[in-house]
Amino acid sequence: MRNCDYPTVYTILGSSQIVTLDLGPRLASGVLLTGTPTAVDVDNTGDLTITYTQVNTVADTDNEVEVGKAVQFLISTTATIETTYQIKITADTDGTPSETLVDYLYVTFC
């Protein structure tokens, strides 16, 4: 995989956290995300849990994320030492033609 500068989310070991990945900058005007996106642990470590993956239904005005333009999911880990995971996010759009967007981010539990 090409070495890109993907965003990193930091959270505390033992916690669970909702993660939001804004895909708005990659969407054409008037296009929204649709359907059920996916978020998976690229390394398939077995100690990361990802649940409740969905397109955002509420705007995040603090971070200027509009409804229907981000993927959200809940993460937790059973790791007991600092661990970084690479997450692959895939989401479809309602544009014509429909696109499938793929992006990545890192999550570090520390």
Protein backbone atom coordinates (compact mmCIF):
# COMPACT_ATOMS: atom_id res chain seq x y z
CA MET A 1 0.00 0.00 0.00
CA ARG A 2 1.20 3.50 -0.77
CA ASN A 3 2.48 5.38 2.27
CA CYS A 4 -0.04 8.21 2.65
CA ASP A 5 -0.49 10.66 5.49
CA TYR A 6 -3.65 9.19 7.00
CA PRO A 7 -5.24 10.82 10.06
CA THR A 8 -4.61 9.34 13.51
CA VAL A 9 -7.12 9.19 16.37
CA TYR A 10 -5.76 8.80 19.91
CA THR A 11 -7.74 7.27 22.76
CA ILE A 12 -7.09 5.78 26.18
CA LEU A 13 -6.54 2.04 26.73
CA GLY A 14 -9.64 0.45 28.22
CA SER A 15 -12.02 2.97 26.68
CA SER A 16 -14.41 2.81 23.77
CA GLN A 17 -14.79 5.78 21.47
CA ILE A 18 -16.86 6.93 18.53
CA VAL A 19 -14.61 7.74 15.59
CA THR A 20 -15.73 10.00 12.74
CA LEU A 21 -14.01 10.13 9.34
CA ASP A 22 -15.13 13.12 7.27
CA LEU A 23 -15.33 12.15 3.59
CA GLY A 24 -17.02 15.43 2.62
CA PRO A 25 -13.96 16.85 0.86
CA ARG A 26 -14.01 13.86 -1.50
CA LEU A 27 -17.71 14.26 -2.42
CA ALA A 28 -19.04 16.29 -5.33
CA SER A 29 -21.55 19.03 -4.62
CA GLY A 30 -24.93 17.58 -3.61
CA VAL A 31 -23.60 14.02 -3.23
CA LEU A 32 -23.99 12.14 0.05
CA LEU A 33 -22.84 8.84 1.47
CA THR A 34 -25.46 6.12 1.41
CA GLY A 35 -26.04 2.57 2.57
CA THR A 36 -24.01 0.82 5.25
CA PRO A 37 -20.30 1.64 5.19
CA THR A 38 -17.64 -0.74 6.49
CA ALA A 39 -14.71 -0.19 8.85
CA VAL A 40 -12.24 -3.06 9.26
CA ASP A 41 -8.94 -3.68 11.05
CA VAL A 42 -6.47 -4.01 8.16
CA ASP A 43 -4.10 -6.20 10.18
CA ASN A 44 -6.93 -8.36 11.57
CA THR A 45 -5.31 -8.45 15.00
CA GLY A 46 -8.34 -9.92 16.75
CA ASP A 47 -8.07 -7.54 19.70
CA LEU A 48 -9.87 -4.57 18.10
CA THR A 49 -13.66 -4.36 18.11
CA ILE A 50 -15.45 -2.12 15.59
CA THR A 51 -19.24 -1.79 15.87
CA TYR A 52 -22.11 0.54 14.94
CA THR A 53 -20.59 1.56 11.60
CA GLN A 54 -22.89 4.09 9.92
CA VAL A 55 -23.14 7.28 7.88
CA ASN A 56 -23.41 10.26 10.23
CA THR A 57 -27.01 11.41 10.80
CA VAL A 58 -26.17 14.49 12.88
CA ALA A 59 -24.01 17.42 11.77
CA ASP A 60 -20.81 18.11 13.73
CA THR A 61 -20.83 21.91 13.71
CA ASP A 62 -17.60 22.15 15.74
CA ASN A 63 -15.68 20.32 13.00
CA GLU A 64 -17.88 21.49 10.08
CA VAL A 65 -19.00 17.97 9.12
CA GLU A 66 -22.34 17.94 7.33
CA VAL A 67 -24.98 15.20 7.67
CA GLY A 68 -24.38 12.31 5.28
CA LYS A 69 -20.72 13.14 4.63
CA ALA A 70 -18.87 11.11 7.26
CA VAL A 71 -18.54 7.53 8.46
CA GLN A 72 -18.82 6.88 12.20
CA PHE A 73 -18.06 3.77 14.22
CA LEU A 74 -17.41 2.69 17.80
CA ILE A 75 -14.01 1.19 18.63
CA SER A 76 -12.54 -0.61 21.62
CA THR A 77 -9.60 -2.96 22.20
CA THR A 78 -8.52 -5.71 24.54
CA ALA A 79 -4.87 -4.61 24.20
CA THR A 80 -3.10 -3.76 27.45
CA ILE A 81 -0.13 -1.91 25.95
CA GLU A 82 -0.01 1.02 23.51
CA THR A 83 -1.20 -0.27 20.15
CA THR A 84 -1.87 1.39 16.79
CA TYR A 85 -4.37 -0.06 14.34
CA GLN A 86 -4.91 0.78 10.68
CA ILE A 87 -8.62 0.95 9.81
CA LYS A 88 -9.94 0.67 6.24
CA ILE A 89 -13.21 2.53 5.64
CA THR A 90 -15.38 1.89 2.59
CA ALA A 91 -18.55 3.85 1.75
CA ASP A 92 -20.86 4.24 -1.25
CA THR A 93 -22.27 7.50 -2.58
CA ASP A 94 -25.67 8.43 -3.97
CA GLY A 95 -24.15 10.22 -6.97
CA THR A 96 -24.74 9.32 -10.59
CA PRO A 97 -22.86 7.19 -11.20
CA SER A 98 -22.49 5.87 -7.66
CA GLU A 99 -18.92 5.75 -6.35
CA THR A 100 -17.30 3.57 -3.72
CA LEU A 101 -14.88 5.58 -1.59
CA VAL A 102 -12.05 3.88 0.28
CA ASP A 103 -9.98 5.62 2.93
CA TYR A 104 -7.79 4.74 5.89
CA LEU A 105 -7.04 6.07 9.33
CA TYR A 106 -4.95 5.02 12.30
CA VAL A 107 -6.29 4.55 15.81
CA THR A 108 -3.79 4.53 18.68
CA PHE A 109 -4.82 3.30 22.12
CA CYS A 110 -2.34 4.59 24.70
